[in-house]
């Protein structure tokens, strides 16, 4: 059974630098592009970052470009999201996703999802 499990969220002060992890199991996720999305209360799920299966290319939403970094360790079946210079508007549930079939910025194209991890940024 394919499974993605996020960890690393919590309460963080503005300017903080937590790292989220997403552990994958049950499929050969090392061959899939992987991504991170987030959803704030009352808002749609939005694209944050994505990385190719090899890790050689990555893509970011304008709102996080220069502050967040996505990476992966295929030997560990794990994807990371390093978040720096956090702002209160980064507060959301962060979701890991795998295997997009189309526009990677559109959440409906992703085939696998984790349960999400809450990140709350205090000012």
Protein backbone atom coordinates (compact mmCIF):
# COMPACT_ATOMS: atom_id res chain seq x y z
CA UNK A 1 0.00 0.00 0.00
CA UNK A 2 1.47 3.32 -1.09
CA UNK A 3 1.92 5.76 1.75
CA UNK A 4 3.37 9.23 2.28
CA UNK A 5 3.95 10.43 5.83
CA UNK A 6 4.91 14.02 6.61
CA UNK A 7 6.68 15.21 9.74
CA UNK A 8 8.46 18.28 11.04
CA UNK A 9 5.61 20.73 11.43
CA UNK A 10 4.67 22.62 14.55
CA UNK A 11 4.63 26.10 16.04
CA UNK A 12 7.46 28.28 14.74
CA UNK A 13 8.35 31.91 15.29
CA UNK A 14 8.48 34.25 12.33
CA UNK A 15 11.92 34.08 10.75
CA UNK A 16 12.34 30.46 11.80
CA UNK A 17 13.73 27.64 9.62
CA UNK A 18 12.04 24.30 10.12
CA UNK A 19 12.48 21.35 7.78
CA UNK A 20 9.60 19.14 6.76
CA UNK A 21 10.15 15.52 5.79
CA UNK A 22 8.01 13.17 3.74
CA UNK A 23 8.73 9.46 4.04
CA UNK A 24 7.41 7.34 1.18
CA UNK A 25 6.71 3.63 1.22
CA UNK A 26 4.85 0.96 -0.70
CA UNK A 27 5.81 2.12 -4.18
CA UNK A 28 8.94 3.03 -6.08
CA UNK A 29 8.56 6.70 -5.33
CA UNK A 30 12.15 7.27 -6.33
CA UNK A 31 10.93 7.20 -9.95
CA UNK A 32 8.19 9.82 -9.37
CA UNK A 33 8.33 13.58 -9.28
CA UNK A 34 7.44 14.72 -5.76
CA UNK A 35 5.92 17.92 -4.48
CA UNK A 36 4.69 19.97 -1.57
CA UNK A 37 1.41 21.81 -1.34
CA UNK A 38 -0.19 23.78 1.46
CA UNK A 39 -3.67 24.72 2.52
CA UNK A 40 -4.58 27.54 4.84
CA UNK A 41 -8.00 27.74 6.54
CA UNK A 42 -10.68 28.81 4.07
CA UNK A 43 -8.33 28.67 1.12
CA UNK A 44 -7.67 26.25 -1.71
CA UNK A 45 -4.73 23.89 -1.63
CA UNK A 46 -1.83 25.66 -3.35
CA UNK A 47 1.38 24.57 -4.96
CA UNK A 48 4.57 25.19 -3.01
CA UNK A 49 7.38 23.25 -4.67
CA UNK A 50 8.14 20.22 -6.84
CA UNK A 51 11.21 18.19 -7.70
CA UNK A 52 11.95 15.77 -10.53
CA UNK A 53 12.62 12.11 -9.81
CA UNK A 54 16.38 12.64 -10.18
CA UNK A 55 16.40 15.74 -8.03
CA UNK A 56 18.18 17.68 -10.75
CA UNK A 57 15.34 20.15 -11.30
CA UNK A 58 13.04 21.89 -8.86
CA UNK A 59 10.23 24.39 -9.15
CA UNK A 60 8.73 26.85 -6.71
CA UNK A 61 5.74 29.07 -6.20
CA UNK A 62 6.66 32.74 -6.40
CA UNK A 63 5.55 33.20 -2.79
CA UNK A 64 8.27 30.87 -1.47
CA UNK A 65 11.01 31.24 -4.09
CA UNK A 66 14.30 32.11 -2.44
CA UNK A 67 13.05 31.05 1.01
CA UNK A 68 12.10 27.37 0.61
CA UNK A 69 14.18 24.53 -0.83
CA UNK A 70 12.89 21.13 -1.88
CA UNK A 71 15.25 18.16 -1.99
CA UNK A 72 15.08 14.39 -2.00
CA UNK A 73 17.09 11.37 -0.92
CA UNK A 74 15.97 8.47 -3.10
CA UNK A 75 18.02 5.99 -1.09
CA UNK A 76 15.86 6.90 1.91
CA UNK A 77 12.62 7.39 -0.07
CA UNK A 78 12.33 10.79 1.57
CA UNK A 79 11.58 14.27 0.31
CA UNK A 80 12.37 17.41 2.30
CA UNK A 81 11.17 20.97 2.38
CA UNK A 82 13.59 23.35 4.04
CA UNK A 83 11.69 26.49 4.98
CA UNK A 84 13.62 29.65 5.85
CA UNK A 85 12.55 33.14 6.85
CA UNK A 86 9.06 31.99 7.70
CA UNK A 87 6.23 34.51 7.71
CA UNK A 88 2.82 34.34 9.42
CA UNK A 89 1.24 33.95 5.95
CA UNK A 90 3.10 30.65 5.58
CA UNK A 91 0.80 29.18 8.24
CA UNK A 92 -0.99 26.19 6.70
CA UNK A 93 -1.24 22.43 6.60
CA UNK A 94 1.60 21.22 4.40
CA UNK A 95 1.03 18.16 2.22
CA UNK A 96 3.47 15.91 0.43
CA UNK A 97 2.42 14.58 -2.97
CA UNK A 98 3.75 12.21 -5.61
CA UNK A 99 3.28 11.24 -9.24
CA UNK A 100 1.67 14.17 -11.07
CA UNK A 101 -0.14 13.54 -14.36
CA UNK A 102 -0.22 16.94 -15.97
CA UNK A 103 0.26 20.45 -14.63
CA UNK A 104 2.37 19.94 -11.50
CA UNK A 105 1.11 23.21 -10.01
CA UNK A 106 -2.47 21.88 -10.00
CA UNK A 107 -3.21 19.67 -6.99
CA UNK A 108 -5.81 17.61 -8.87
CA UNK A 109 -3.11 16.05 -11.09
CA UNK A 110 -1.18 14.45 -8.23
CA UNK A 111 -1.84 10.78 -7.57
CA UNK A 112 -0.63 10.25 -4.02
CA UNK A 113 -0.99 12.39 -0.89
CA UNK A 114 0.15 12.38 2.68
CA UNK A 115 -2.07 13.27 5.59
CA UNK A 116 -0.47 16.69 6.07
CA UNK A 117 1.47 18.39 8.83
CA UNK A 118 0.47 21.70 10.42
CA UNK A 119 2.91 24.59 10.35
CA UNK A 120 1.90 27.62 12.42
CA UNK A 121 4.05 30.73 12.27
CA UNK A 122 3.69 33.18 15.12
CA UNK A 123 4.55 36.84 14.67
